[in-house]
Amino acid sequence: MNIRIYGPEQQATGAFDGGKITEQKPIGFPREGSAVSRVGPLFYWAWAFAEQEGYIPSHPHQAFEIMTYVVNGKAEHGDSLGTRSVVGPGGAQVMQTGSGVNHEEGFVGPTWKVFKFGSSRI
């Protein structure tokens, strides 16, 4: 078995809400610049961090699952199907997007941290 380590310089990054929320993406979405673009059905893996409250407005997803695991703070979720949830430290939220859903996310700190995973159902 070969184990490869990809340092931060080989990972994609992202920012939301004017830079309040930052992401480090060991496995980024295609064309985001990560050295790894997919591992089997897992095509997205990121950890996000914010010193203060941040918000990601409604955006679409289709045909995959997203799992959010909260390390610190709270993650608030709302979607076009009417689902609303709040997840605290040690909790997880899973969304199956099927034929399509829009969702929004709010994050409350201080020092909020989450891990996010996306996988296809192919």
PDB file of N, CA and C in Angstrom:
ATOM      1  N   MET A   1       0.836  -1.175   0.000  1.00  0.00           N
ATOM      2  CA  MET A   1       0.000   0.000   0.000  1.00  0.00           C
ATOM      3  C   MET A   1       0.880   1.237   0.000  1.00  0.00           C
ATOM      4  N   ASN A   2       0.596   2.154  -0.898  1.00  0.00           N
ATOM      5  CA  ASN A   2       1.309   3.428  -0.945  1.00  0.00           C
ATOM      6  C   ASN A   2       0.463   4.506  -0.286  1.00  0.00           C
ATOM      7  N   ILE A   3       1.088   5.285   0.557  1.00  0.00           N
ATOM      8  CA  ILE A   3       0.421   6.417   1.187  1.00  0.00           C
ATOM      9  C   ILE A   3       1.082   7.682   0.682  1.00  0.00           C
ATOM     10  N   ARG A   4       0.278   8.592   0.179  1.00  0.00           N
ATOM     11  CA  ARG A   4       0.784   9.881  -0.293  1.00  0.00           C
ATOM     12  C   ARG A   4       0.236  10.979   0.600  1.00  0.00           C
ATOM     13  N   ILE A   5       1.069  11.927   0.912  1.00  0.00           N
ATOM     14  CA  ILE A   5       0.655  13.071   1.705  1.00  0.00           C
ATOM     15  C   ILE A   5       0.672  14.296   0.800  1.00  0.00           C
ATOM     16  N   TYR A   6      -0.450  14.996   0.740  1.00  0.00           N
ATOM     17  CA  TYR A   6      -0.579  16.212  -0.065  1.00  0.00           C
ATOM     18  C   TYR A   6      -0.642  17.407   0.884  1.00  0.00           C
ATOM     19  N   GLY A   7       0.413  18.183   0.900  1.00  0.00           N
ATOM     20  CA  GLY A   7       0.478  19.348   1.774  1.00  0.00           C
ATOM     21  C   GLY A   7      -0.479  20.443   1.342  1.00  0.00           C
ATOM     22  N   PRO A   8      -0.643  21.469   2.171  1.00  0.00           N
ATOM     23  CA  PRO A   8      -1.562  22.565   1.860  1.00  0.00           C
ATOM     24  C   PRO A   8      -1.306  23.224   0.506  1.00  0.00           C
ATOM     25  N   GLU A   9      -0.078  23.278   0.079  1.00  0.00           N
ATOM     26  CA  GLU A   9       0.231  23.913  -1.207  1.00  0.00           C
ATOM     27  C   GLU A   9      -0.313  23.123  -2.400  1.00  0.00           C
ATOM     28  N   GLN A  10      -0.701  21.860  -2.188  1.00  0.00           N
ATOM     29  CA  GLN A  10      -1.270  21.027  -3.242  1.00  0.00           C
ATOM     30  C   GLN A  10      -2.786  20.889  -3.119  1.00  0.00           C
ATOM     31  N   GLN A  11      -3.363  21.605  -2.172  1.00  0.00           N
ATOM     32  CA  GLN A  11      -4.791  21.524  -1.924  1.00  0.00           C
ATOM     33  C   GLN A  11      -5.477  22.787  -2.432  1.00  0.00           C
ATOM     34  N   ALA A  12      -6.734  22.652  -2.812  1.00  0.00           N
ATOM     35  CA  ALA A  12      -7.523  23.806  -3.230  1.00  0.00           C
ATOM     36  C   ALA A  12      -7.970  24.580  -1.983  1.00  0.00           C
ATOM     37  N   THR A  13      -8.282  25.842  -2.158  1.00  0.00           N
ATOM     38  CA  THR A  13      -8.789  26.674  -1.078  1.00  0.00           C
ATOM     39  C   THR A  13     -10.043  27.395  -1.552  1.00  0.00           C
ATOM     40  N   GLY A  14     -10.811  27.879  -0.627  1.00  0.00           N
ATOM     41  CA  GLY A  14     -12.003  28.645  -0.961  1.00  0.00           C
ATOM     42  C   GLY A  14     -12.341  29.590   0.166  1.00  0.00           C
ATOM     43  N   ALA A  15     -13.189  30.573  -0.134  1.00  0.00           N
ATOM     44  CA  ALA A  15     -13.628  31.538   0.872  1.00  0.00           C
ATOM     45  C   ALA A  15     -15.062  31.954   0.562  1.00  0.00           C
ATOM     46  N   PHE A  16     -15.818  32.224   1.612  1.00  0.00           N
ATOM     47  CA  PHE A  16     -17.207  32.635   1.496  1.00  0.00           C
ATOM     48  C   PHE A  16     -17.476  33.811   2.420  1.00  0.00           C
ATOM     49  N   ASP A  17     -18.568  34.497   2.160  1.00  0.00           N
ATOM     50  CA  ASP A  17     -19.034  35.604   2.992  1.00  0.00           C
ATOM     51  C   ASP A  17     -17.926  36.634   3.216  1.00  0.00           C
ATOM     52  N   GLY A  18     -17.355  37.074   2.105  1.00  0.00           N
ATOM     53  CA  GLY A  18     -16.316  38.104   2.172  1.00  0.00           C
ATOM     54  C   GLY A  18     -15.055  37.662   2.884  1.00  0.00           C
ATOM     55  N   GLY A  19     -14.787  36.355   2.892  1.00  0.00           N
ATOM     56  CA  GLY A  19     -13.590  35.824   3.537  1.00  0.00           C
ATOM     57  C   GLY A  19     -13.784  35.440   4.993  1.00  0.00           C
ATOM     58  N   LYS A  20     -14.986  35.592   5.543  1.00  0.00           N
ATOM     59  CA  LYS A  20     -15.236  35.178   6.929  1.00  0.00           C
ATOM     60  C   LYS A  20     -15.083  33.675   7.095  1.00  0.00           C
ATOM     61  N   ILE A  21     -15.470  32.919   6.073  1.00  0.00           N
ATOM     62  CA  ILE A  21     -15.373  31.462   6.090  1.00  0.00           C
ATOM     63  C   ILE A  21     -14.275  31.064   5.106  1.00  0.00           C
ATOM     64  N   THR A  22     -13.309  30.285   5.560  1.00  0.00           N
ATOM     65  CA  THR A  22     -12.251  29.792   4.670  1.00  0.00           C
ATOM     66  C   THR A  22     -12.284  28.274   4.640  1.00  0.00           C
ATOM     67  N   GLU A  23     -11.928  27.724   3.483  1.00  0.00           N
ATOM     68  CA  GLU A  23     -11.906  26.272   3.293  1.00  0.00           C
ATOM     69  C   GLU A  23     -10.535  25.818   2.817  1.00  0.00           C
ATOM     70  N   GLN A  24     -10.099  24.706   3.314  1.00  0.00           N
ATOM     71  CA  GLN A  24      -8.936  23.982   2.808  1.00  0.00           C
ATOM     72  C   GLN A  24      -9.489  22.689   2.242  1.00  0.00           C
ATOM     73  N   LYS A  25      -9.172  22.356   0.972  1.00  0.00           N
ATOM     74  CA  LYS A  25      -9.804  21.234   0.296  1.00  0.00           C
ATOM     75  C   LYS A  25      -8.776  20.190  -0.150  1.00  0.00           C
ATOM     76  N   PRO A  26      -8.524  19.171   0.676  1.00  0.00           N
ATOM     77  CA  PRO A  26      -7.636  18.091   0.239  1.00  0.00           C
ATOM     78  C   PRO A  26      -8.131  17.435  -1.053  1.00  0.00           C
ATOM     79  N   ILE A  27      -9.459  17.303  -1.192  1.00  0.00           N
ATOM     80  CA  ILE A  27     -10.061  16.832  -2.444  1.00  0.00           C
ATOM     81  C   ILE A  27     -11.060  17.903  -2.860  1.00  0.00           C
ATOM     82  N   GLY A  28     -10.685  18.693  -3.843  1.00  0.00           N
ATOM     83  CA  GLY A  28     -11.534  19.795  -4.274  1.00  0.00           C
ATOM     84  C   GLY A  28     -12.414  19.415  -5.445  1.00  0.00           C
ATOM     85  N   PHE A  29     -13.409  20.268  -5.700  1.00  0.00           N
ATOM     86  CA  PHE A  29     -14.223  20.083  -6.898  1.00  0.00           C
ATOM     87  C   PHE A  29     -13.326  20.185  -8.125  1.00  0.00           C
ATOM     88  N   PRO A  30     -13.710  19.584  -9.249  1.00  0.00           N
ATOM     89  CA  PRO A  30     -12.901  19.674 -10.469  1.00  0.00           C
ATOM     90  C   PRO A  30     -12.580  21.131 -10.819  1.00  0.00           C
ATOM     91  N   ARG A  31     -11.410  21.343 -11.322  1.00  0.00           N
ATOM     92  CA  ARG A  31     -10.911  22.645 -11.760  1.00  0.00           C
ATOM     93  C   ARG A  31     -10.677  23.631 -10.616  1.00  0.00           C
ATOM     94  N   GLU A  32     -10.589  23.156  -9.378  1.00  0.00           N
ATOM     95  CA  GLU A  32     -10.298  24.058  -8.263  1.00  0.00           C
ATOM     96  C   GLU A  32      -8.810  24.082  -7.908  1.00  0.00           C
ATOM     97  N   GLY A  33      -8.024  23.201  -8.516  1.00  0.00           N
ATOM     98  CA  GLY A  33      -6.586  23.247  -8.299  1.00  0.00           C
ATOM     99  C   GLY A  33      -6.029  22.268  -7.288  1.00  0.00           C
ATOM    100  N   SER A  34      -6.838  21.369  -6.765  1.00  0.00           N
ATOM    101  CA  SER A  34      -6.327  20.376  -5.833  1.00  0.00           C
ATOM    102  C   SER A  34      -5.579  19.287  -6.588  1.00  0.00           C
ATOM    103  N   ALA A  35      -4.509  18.764  -5.989  1.00  0.00           N
ATOM    104  CA  ALA A  35      -3.736  17.687  -6.612  1.00  0.00           C
ATOM    105  C   ALA A  35      -4.573  16.416  -6.733  1.00  0.00           C
ATOM    106  N   VAL A  36      -5.578  16.250  -5.866  1.00  0.00           N
ATOM    107  CA  VAL A  36      -6.453  15.081  -5.900  1.00  0.00           C
ATOM    108  C   VAL A  36      -7.847  15.552  -6.295  1.00  0.00           C
ATOM    109  N   SER A  37      -8.413  14.939  -7.333  1.00  0.00           N
ATOM    110  CA  SER A  37      -9.733  15.369  -7.775  1.00  0.00           C
ATOM    111  C   SER A  37     -10.827  14.357  -7.448  1.00  0.00           C
ATOM    112  N   ARG A  38     -10.456  13.158  -7.041  1.00  0.00           N
ATOM    113  CA  ARG A  38     -11.474  12.147  -6.736  1.00  0.00           C
ATOM    114  C   ARG A  38     -10.789  10.918  -6.127  1.00  0.00           C
ATOM    115  N   VAL A  39     -11.469  10.270  -5.185  1.00  0.00           N
ATOM    116  CA  VAL A  39     -11.036   8.989  -4.639  1.00  0.00           C
ATOM    117  C   VAL A  39     -12.280   8.113  -4.608  1.00  0.00           C
ATOM    118  N   GLY A  40     -12.418   7.237  -5.609  1.00  0.00           N
ATOM    119  CA  GLY A  40     -13.632   6.431  -5.739  1.00  0.00           C
ATOM    120  C   GLY A  40     -14.835   7.342  -5.863  1.00  0.00           C
ATOM    121  N   PRO A  41     -15.891   7.107  -5.072  1.00  0.00           N
ATOM    122  CA  PRO A  41     -17.067   7.962  -5.160  1.00  0.00           C
ATOM    123  C   PRO A  41     -16.900   9.299  -4.417  1.00  0.00           C
ATOM    124  N   LEU A  42     -15.843   9.427  -3.592  1.00  0.00           N
ATOM    125  CA  LEU A  42     -15.600  10.662  -2.846  1.00  0.00           C
ATOM    126  C   LEU A  42     -14.951  11.690  -3.768  1.00  0.00           C
ATOM    127  N   PHE A  43     -15.662  12.788  -4.043  1.00  0.00           N
ATOM    128  CA  PHE A  43     -15.110  13.785  -4.952  1.00  0.00           C
ATOM    129  C   PHE A  43     -14.922  15.140  -4.299  1.00  0.00           C
ATOM    130  N   TYR A  44     -15.234  15.268  -3.023  1.00  0.00           N
ATOM    131  CA  TYR A  44     -15.068  16.532  -2.324  1.00  0.00           C
ATOM    132  C   TYR A  44     -14.821  16.247  -0.858  1.00  0.00           C
ATOM    133  N   TRP A  45     -13.774  16.859  -0.321  1.00  0.00           N
ATOM    134  CA  TRP A  45     -13.488  16.759   1.105  1.00  0.00           C
ATOM    135  C   TRP A  45     -12.845  18.071   1.495  1.00  0.00           C
ATOM    136  N   ALA A  46     -13.405  18.732   2.476  1.00  0.00           N
ATOM    137  CA  ALA A  46     -12.877  20.024   2.894  1.00  0.00           C
ATOM    138  C   ALA A  46     -13.069  20.199   4.386  1.00  0.00           C
ATOM    139  N   TRP A  47     -12.242  21.046   4.951  1.00  0.00           N
ATOM    140  CA  TRP A  47     -12.525  21.517   6.297  1.00  0.00           C
ATOM    141  C   TRP A  47     -12.641  23.026   6.204  1.00  0.00           C
ATOM    142  N   ALA A  48     -13.582  23.564   6.936  1.00  0.00           N
ATOM    143  CA  ALA A  48     -13.840  24.993   6.900  1.00  0.00           C
ATOM    144  C   ALA A  48     -13.702  25.579   8.297  1.00  0.00           C
ATOM    145  N   PHE A  49     -13.339  26.853   8.336  1.00  0.00           N
ATOM    146  CA  PHE A  49     -13.045  27.523   9.593  1.00  0.00           C
ATOM    147  C   PHE A  49     -13.536  28.964   9.530  1.00  0.00           C
ATOM    148  N   ALA A  50     -14.050  29.466  10.636  1.00  0.00           N
ATOM    149  CA  ALA A  50     -14.443  30.871  10.729  1.00  0.00           C
ATOM    150  C   ALA A  50     -14.252  31.343  12.164  1.00  0.00           C
ATOM    151  N   GLU A  51     -13.667  32.528  12.323  1.00  0.00           N
ATOM    152  CA  GLU A  51     -13.508  33.138  13.645  1.00  0.00           C
ATOM    153  C   GLU A  51     -14.817  33.735  14.131  1.00  0.00           C
ATOM    154  N   GLN A  52     -15.691  34.107  13.184  1.00  0.00           N
ATOM    155  CA  GLN A  52     -16.951  34.756  13.518  1.00  0.00           C
ATOM    156  C   GLN A  52     -18.082  34.150  12.693  1.00  0.00           C
ATOM    157  N   GLU A  53     -19.301  34.578  12.959  1.00  0.00           N
ATOM    158  CA  GLU A  53     -20.456  34.062  12.241  1.00  0.00           C
ATOM    159  C   GLU A  53     -20.313  34.326  10.739  1.00  0.00           C
ATOM    160  N   GLY A  54     -20.691  33.330   9.936  1.00  0.00           N
ATOM    161  CA  GLY A  54     -20.634  33.465   8.484  1.00  0.00           C
ATOM    162  C   GLY A  54     -21.839  32.803   7.833  1.00  0.00           C
ATOM    163  N   TYR A  55     -22.091  33.175   6.580  1.00  0.00           N
ATOM    164  CA  TYR A  55     -23.279  32.700   5.888  1.00  0.00           C
ATOM    165  C   TYR A  55     -22.946  32.404   4.428  1.00  0.00           C
ATOM    166  N   ILE A  56     -23.437  31.275   3.932  1.00  0.00           N
ATOM    167  CA  ILE A  56     -23.335  30.924   2.516  1.00  0.00           C
ATOM    168  C   ILE A  56     -24.759  30.916   1.979  1.00  0.00           C
ATOM    169  N   PRO A  57     -25.097  31.826   1.053  1.00  0.00           N
ATOM    170  CA  PRO A  57     -26.476  31.919   0.567  1.00  0.00           C
ATOM    171  C   PRO A  57     -26.905  30.695  -0.233  1.00  0.00           C
ATOM    172  N   SER A  58     -28.175  30.636  -0.537  1.00  0.00           N
ATOM    173  CA  SER A  58     -28.766  29.518  -1.261  1.00  0.00           C
ATOM    174  C   SER A  58     -28.026  29.237  -2.566  1.00  0.00           C
ATOM    175  N   HIS A  59     -27.709  27.951  -2.766  1.00  0.00           N
ATOM    176  CA  HIS A  59     -27.003  27.509  -3.970  1.00  0.00           C
ATOM    177  C   HIS A  59     -27.442  26.088  -4.298  1.00  0.00           C
ATOM    178  N   PRO A  60     -27.355  25.688  -5.583  1.00  0.00           N
ATOM    179  CA  PRO A  60     -27.878  24.373  -5.991  1.00  0.00           C
ATOM    180  C   PRO A  60     -26.865  23.239  -5.852  1.00  0.00           C
ATOM    181  N   HIS A  61     -27.400  22.042  -5.626  1.00  0.00           N
ATOM    182  CA  HIS A  61     -26.637  20.798  -5.686  1.00  0.00           C
ATOM    183  C   HIS A  61     -27.536  19.752  -6.331  1.00  0.00           C
ATOM    184  N   GLN A  62     -26.913  18.798  -7.035  1.00  0.00           N
ATOM    185  CA  GLN A  62     -27.691  17.754  -7.693  1.00  0.00           C
ATOM    186  C   GLN A  62     -26.881  16.462  -7.766  1.00  0.00           C
ATOM    187  N   ALA A  63     -27.537  15.330  -7.498  1.00  0.00           N
ATOM    188  CA  ALA A  63     -27.013  13.977  -7.721  1.00  0.00           C
ATOM    189  C   ALA A  63     -25.811  13.595  -6.863  1.00  0.00           C
ATOM    190  N   PHE A  64     -25.756  14.110  -5.642  1.00  0.00           N
ATOM    191  CA  PHE A  64     -24.735  13.603  -4.729  1.00  0.00           C
ATOM    192  C   PHE A  64     -25.157  13.808  -3.287  1.00  0.00           C
ATOM    193  N   GLU A  65     -24.385  13.226  -2.369  1.00  0.00           N
ATOM    194  CA  GLU A  65     -24.626  13.355  -0.942  1.00  0.00           C
ATOM    195  C   GLU A  65     -23.577  14.276  -0.349  1.00  0.00           C
ATOM    196  N   ILE A  66     -23.992  15.079   0.606  1.00  0.00           N
ATOM    197  CA  ILE A  66     -23.068  15.951   1.323  1.00  0.00           C
ATOM    198  C   ILE A  66     -23.227  15.652   2.803  1.00  0.00           C
ATOM    199  N   MET A  67     -22.109  15.423   3.484  1.00  0.00           N
ATOM    200  CA  MET A  67     -22.138  15.201   4.914  1.00  0.00           C
ATOM    201  C   MET A  67     -21.315  16.303   5.570  1.00  0.00           C
ATOM    202  N   THR A  68     -21.900  16.955   6.572  1.00  0.00           N
ATOM    203  CA  THR A  68     -21.217  17.995   7.334  1.00  0.00           C
ATOM    204  C   THR A  68     -21.069  17.507   8.765  1.00  0.00           C
ATOM    205  N   TYR A  69     -19.833  17.527   9.277  1.00  0.00           N
ATOM    206  CA  TYR A  69     -19.543  17.140  10.650  1.00  0.00           C
ATOM    207  C   TYR A  69     -19.029  18.374  11.384  1.00  0.00           C
ATOM    208  N   VAL A  70     -19.677  18.747  12.478  1.00  0.00           N
ATOM    209  CA  VAL A  70     -19.321  19.967  13.208  1.00  0.00           C
ATOM    210  C   VAL A  70     -18.320  19.636  14.313  1.00  0.00           C
ATOM    211  N   VAL A  71     -17.186  20.342  14.301  1.00  0.00           N
ATOM    212  CA  VAL A  71     -16.166  20.185  15.332  1.00  0.00           C
ATOM    213  C   VAL A  71     -16.388  21.210  16.447  1.00  0.00           C
ATOM    214  N   ASN A  72     -16.527  22.479  16.086  1.00  0.00           N
ATOM    215  CA  ASN A  72     -16.791  23.575  17.025  1.00  0.00           C
ATOM    216  C   ASN A  72     -17.905  24.443  16.475  1.00  0.00           C
ATOM    217  N   GLY A  73     -18.628  25.125  17.360  1.00  0.00           N
ATOM    218  CA  GLY A  73     -19.655  26.057  16.929  1.00  0.00           C
ATOM    219  C   GLY A  73     -20.937  25.344  16.528  1.00  0.00           C
ATOM    220  N   LYS A  74     -21.718  26.010  15.657  1.00  0.00           N
ATOM    221  CA  LYS A  74     -22.981  25.452  15.174  1.00  0.00           C
ATOM    222  C   LYS A  74     -23.068  25.638  13.668  1.00  0.00           C
ATOM    223  N   ALA A  75     -23.680  24.679  12.994  1.00  0.00           N
ATOM    224  CA  ALA A  75     -23.981  24.780  11.563  1.00  0.00           C
ATOM    225  C   ALA A  75     -25.493  24.798  11.418  1.00  0.00           C
ATOM    226  N   GLU A  76     -26.002  25.828  10.749  1.00  0.00           N
ATOM    227  CA  GLU A  76     -27.436  25.940  10.495  1.00  0.00           C
ATOM    228  C   GLU A  76     -27.672  25.657   9.023  1.00  0.00           C
ATOM    229  N   HIS A  77     -28.692  24.863   8.725  1.00  0.00           N
ATOM    230  CA  HIS A  77     -28.967  24.445   7.354  1.00  0.00           C
ATOM    231  C   HIS A  77     -30.429  24.722   7.028  1.00  0.00           C
ATOM    232  N   GLY A  78     -30.671  25.173   5.804  1.00  0.00           N
ATOM    233  CA  GLY A  78     -32.028  25.308   5.302  1.00  0.00           C
ATOM    234  C   GLY A  78     -32.022  24.952   3.824  1.00  0.00           C
ATOM    235  N   ASP A  79     -33.109  24.349   3.330  1.00  0.00           N
ATOM    236  CA  ASP A  79     -33.126  23.994   1.910  1.00  0.00           C
ATOM    237  C   ASP A  79     -34.489  24.210   1.278  1.00  0.00           C
ATOM    238  N   SER A  80     -34.525  24.068  -0.040  1.00  0.00           N
ATOM    239  CA  SER A  80     -35.730  24.326  -0.822  1.00  0.00           C
ATOM    240  C   SER A  80     -36.820  23.278  -0.600  1.00  0.00           C
ATOM    241  N   LEU A  81     -36.524  22.219   0.136  1.00  0.00           N
ATOM    242  CA  LEU A  81     -37.528  21.208   0.476  1.00  0.00           C
ATOM    243  C   LEU A  81     -38.215  21.530   1.805  1.00  0.00           C
ATOM    244  N   GLY A  82     -37.773  22.621   2.439  1.00  0.00           N
ATOM    245  CA  GLY A  82     -38.370  23.028   3.707  1.00  0.00           C
ATOM    246  C   GLY A  82     -37.651  22.521   4.934  1.00  0.00           C
ATOM    247  N   THR A  83     -36.550  21.814   4.761  1.00  0.00           N
ATOM    248  CA  THR A  83     -35.787  21.286   5.886  1.00  0.00           C
ATOM    249  C   THR A  83     -35.003  22.408   6.560  1.00  0.00           C
ATOM    250  N   ARG A  84     -35.055  22.437   7.881  1.00  0.00           N
ATOM    251  CA  ARG A  84     -34.262  23.366   8.681  1.00  0.00           C
ATOM    252  C   ARG A  84     -33.621  22.547   9.795  1.00  0.00           C
ATOM    253  N   SER A  85     -32.328  22.764  10.035  1.00  0.00           N
ATOM    254  CA  SER A  85     -31.671  22.042  11.118  1.00  0.00           C
ATOM    255  C   SER A  85     -30.530  22.879  11.679  1.00  0.00           C
ATOM    256  N   VAL A  86     -30.196  22.594  12.934  1.00  0.00           N
ATOM    257  CA  VAL A  86     -29.044  23.193  13.602  1.00  0.00           C
ATOM    258  C   VAL A  86     -28.244  22.039  14.186  1.00  0.00           C
ATOM    259  N   VAL A  87     -26.949  22.007  13.873  1.00  0.00           N
ATOM    260  CA  VAL A  87     -26.080  20.922  14.326  1.00  0.00           C
ATOM    261  C   VAL A  87     -24.955  21.514  15.169  1.00  0.00           C
ATOM    262  N   GLY A  88     -24.722  20.927  16.345  1.00  0.00           N
ATOM    263  CA  GLY A  88     -23.674  21.399  17.244  1.00  0.00           C
ATOM    264  C   GLY A  88     -22.456  20.496  17.217  1.00  0.00           C
ATOM    265  N   PRO A  89     -21.479  20.778  18.074  1.00  0.00           N
ATOM    266  CA  PRO A  89     -20.230  20.008  18.109  1.00  0.00           C
ATOM    267  C   PRO A  89     -20.472  18.510  18.262  1.00  0.00           C
ATOM    268  N   GLY A  90     -19.817  17.724  17.424  1.00  0.00           N
ATOM    269  CA  GLY A  90     -19.956  16.278  17.445  1.00  0.00           C
ATOM    270  C   GLY A  90     -21.142  15.768  16.650  1.00  0.00           C
ATOM    271  N   GLY A  91     -21.931  16.682  16.093  1.00  0.00           N
ATOM    272  CA  GLY A  91     -23.107  16.297  15.317  1.00  0.00           C
ATOM    273  C   GLY A  91     -22.823  16.308  13.827  1.00  0.00           C
ATOM    274  N   ALA A  92     -23.682  15.630  13.089  1.00  0.00           N
ATOM    275  CA  ALA A  92     -23.529  15.554  11.631  1.00  0.00           C
ATOM    276  C   ALA A  92     -24.867  15.829  10.963  1.00  0.00           C
ATOM    277  N   GLN A  93     -24.796  16.341   9.758  1.00  0.00           N
ATOM    278  CA  GLN A  93     -25.976  16.581   8.940  1.00  0.00           C
ATOM    279  C   GLN A  93     -25.690  15.990   7.565  1.00  0.00           C
ATOM    280  N   VAL A  94     -26.618  15.190   7.041  1.00  0.00           N
ATOM    281  CA  VAL A  94     -26.445  14.556   5.737  1.00  0.00           C
ATOM    282  C   VAL A  94     -27.555  15.037   4.815  1.00  0.00           C
ATOM    283  N   MET A  95     -27.180  15.389   3.592  1.00  0.00           N
ATOM    284  CA  MET A  95     -28.150  15.840   2.603  1.00  0.00           C
ATOM    285  C   MET A  95     -27.966  15.008   1.340  1.00  0.00           C
ATOM    286  N   GLN A  96     -29.032  14.381   0.876  1.00  0.00           N
ATOM    287  CA  GLN A  96     -29.036  13.669  -0.399  1.00  0.00           C
ATOM    288  C   GLN A  96     -29.755  14.564  -1.396  1.00  0.00           C
ATOM    289  N   THR A  97     -29.043  14.978  -2.453  1.00  0.00           N
ATOM    290  CA  THR A  97     -29.571  16.012  -3.335  1.00  0.00           C
ATOM    291  C   THR A  97     -30.384  15.479  -4.501  1.00  0.00           C
ATOM    292  N   GLY A  98     -30.330  14.197  -4.798  1.00  0.00           N
ATOM    293  CA  GLY A  98     -31.164  13.586  -5.833  1.00  0.00           C
ATOM    294  C   GLY A  98     -31.266  14.401  -7.102  1.00  0.00           C
ATOM    295  N   SER A  99     -32.506  14.704  -7.532  1.00  0.00           N
ATOM    296  CA  SER A  99     -32.709  15.438  -8.783  1.00  0.00           C
ATOM    297  C   SER A  99     -32.440  16.932  -8.635  1.00  0.00           C
ATOM    298  N   GLY A 100     -32.107  17.383  -7.434  1.00  0.00           N
ATOM    299  CA  GLY A 100     -31.707  18.766  -7.242  1.00  0.00           C
ATOM    300  C   GLY A 100     -32.359  19.416  -6.048  1.00  0.00           C
ATOM    301  N   VAL A 101     -31.597  20.228  -5.349  1.00  0.00           N
ATOM    302  CA  VAL A 101     -32.072  20.983  -4.196  1.00  0.00           C
ATOM    303  C   VAL A 101     -31.186  22.217  -4.041  1.00  0.00           C
ATOM    304  N   ASN A 102     -31.763  23.291  -3.570  1.00  0.00           N
ATOM    305  CA  ASN A 102     -30.984  24.468  -3.189  1.00  0.00           C
ATOM    306  C   ASN A 102     -30.869  24.462  -1.673  1.00  0.00           C
ATOM    307  N   HIS A 103     -29.713  24.878  -1.168  1.00  0.00           N
ATOM    308  CA  HIS A 103     -29.593  24.973   0.286  1.00  0.00           C
ATOM    309  C   HIS A 103     -28.717  26.152   0.665  1.00  0.00           C
ATOM    310  N   GLU A 104     -28.869  26.561   1.917  1.00  0.00           N
ATOM    311  CA  GLU A 104     -28.077  27.652   2.476  1.00  0.00           C
ATOM    312  C   GLU A 104     -27.511  27.187   3.804  1.00  0.00           C
ATOM    313  N   GLU A 105     -26.399  27.806   4.194  1.00  0.00           N
ATOM    314  CA  GLU A 105     -25.727  27.401   5.416  1.00  0.00           C
ATOM    315  C   GLU A 105     -25.314  28.632   6.204  1.00  0.00           C
ATOM    316  N   GLY A 106     -25.523  28.574   7.504  1.00  0.00           N
ATOM    317  CA  GLY A 106     -25.046  29.606   8.407  1.00  0.00           C
ATOM    318  C   GLY A 106     -24.157  28.952   9.439  1.00  0.00           C
ATOM    319  N   PHE A 107     -23.103  29.656   9.832  1.00  0.00           N
ATOM    320  CA  PHE A 107     -22.150  29.085  10.783  1.00  0.00           C
ATOM    321  C   PHE A 107     -21.927  30.075  11.913  1.00  0.00           C
ATOM    322  N   VAL A 108     -22.036  29.567  13.139  1.00  0.00           N
ATOM    323  CA  VAL A 108     -21.940  30.397  14.319  1.00  0.00           C
ATOM    324  C   VAL A 108     -20.751  29.927  15.150  1.00  0.00           C
ATOM    325  N   GLY A 109     -19.870  30.832  15.514  1.00  0.00           N
ATOM    326  CA  GLY A 109     -18.662  30.533  16.269  1.00  0.00           C
ATOM    327  C   GLY A 109     -18.870  30.770  17.750  1.00  0.00           C
ATOM    328  N   PRO A 110     -17.821  31.108  18.465  1.00  0.00           N
ATOM    329  CA  PRO A 110     -16.518  31.480  17.891  1.00  0.00           C
ATOM    330  C   PRO A 110     -15.713  30.255  17.456  1.00  0.00           C
ATOM    331  N   THR A 111     -14.712  30.509  16.686  1.00  0.00           N
ATOM    332  CA  THR A 111     -13.817  29.490  16.118  1.00  0.00           C
ATOM    333  C   THR A 111     -14.578  28.261  15.651  1.00  0.00           C
ATOM    334  N   TRP A 112     -15.468  28.501  14.721  1.00  0.00           N
ATOM    335  CA  TRP A 112     -16.287  27.457  14.119  1.00  0.00           C
ATOM    336  C   TRP A 112     -15.427  26.605  13.179  1.00  0.00           C
ATOM    337  N   LYS A 113     -15.593  25.274  13.229  1.00  0.00           N
ATOM    338  CA  LYS A 113     -14.877  24.349  12.339  1.00  0.00           C
ATOM    339  C   LYS A 113     -15.813  23.227  11.934  1.00  0.00           C
ATOM    340  N   VAL A 114     -15.788  22.857  10.647  1.00  0.00           N
ATOM    341  CA  VAL A 114     -16.532  21.699  10.176  1.00  0.00           C
ATOM    342  C   VAL A 114     -15.694  20.943   9.159  1.00  0.00           C
ATOM    343  N   PHE A 115     -16.021  19.677   8.978  1.00  0.00           N
ATOM    344  CA  PHE A 115     -15.509  18.869   7.888  1.00  0.00           C
ATOM    345  C   PHE A 115     -16.685  18.595   6.967  1.00  0.00           C
ATOM    346  N   LYS A 116     -16.480  18.692   5.650  1.00  0.00           N
ATOM    347  CA  LYS A 116     -17.535  18.434   4.667  1.00  0.00           C
ATOM    348  C   LYS A 116     -17.045  17.389   3.679  1.00  0.00           C
ATOM    349  N   PHE A 117     -17.933  16.461   3.339  1.00  0.00           N
ATOM    350  CA  PHE A 117     -17.615  15.407   2.398  1.00  0.00           C
ATOM    351  C   PHE A 117     -18.712  15.347   1.353  1.00  0.00           C
ATOM    352  N   GLY A 118     -18.367  15.151   0.105  1.00  0.00           N
ATOM    353  CA  GLY A 118     -19.340  14.955  -0.957  1.00  0.00           C
ATOM    354  C   GLY A 118     -19.027  13.686  -1.705  1.00  0.00           C
ATOM    355  N   SER A 119     -20.047  12.874  -1.969  1.00  0.00           N
ATOM    356  CA  SER A 119     -19.823  11.643  -2.731  1.00  0.00           C
ATOM    357  C   SER A 119     -20.946  11.448  -3.730  1.00  0.00           C
ATOM    358  N   SER A 120     -20.584  10.869  -4.860  1.00  0.00           N
ATOM    359  CA  SER A 120     -21.581  10.573  -5.886  1.00  0.00           C
ATOM    360  C   SER A 120     -22.250   9.241  -5.573  1.00  0.00           C
ATOM    361  N   ARG A 121     -23.398   9.030  -6.117  1.00  0.00           N
ATOM    362  CA  ARG A 121     -24.140   7.791  -5.885  1.00  0.00           C
ATOM    363  C   ARG A 121     -24.050   6.894  -7.109  1.00  0.00           C
ATOM    364  N   ILE A 122     -23.040   7.116  -7.934  1.00  0.00           N
ATOM    365  CA  ILE A 122     -22.884   6.367  -9.172  1.00  0.00           C
ATOM    366  C   ILE A 122     -22.294   4.995  -8.873  1.00  0.00           C
TER     367      ILE A 122
END
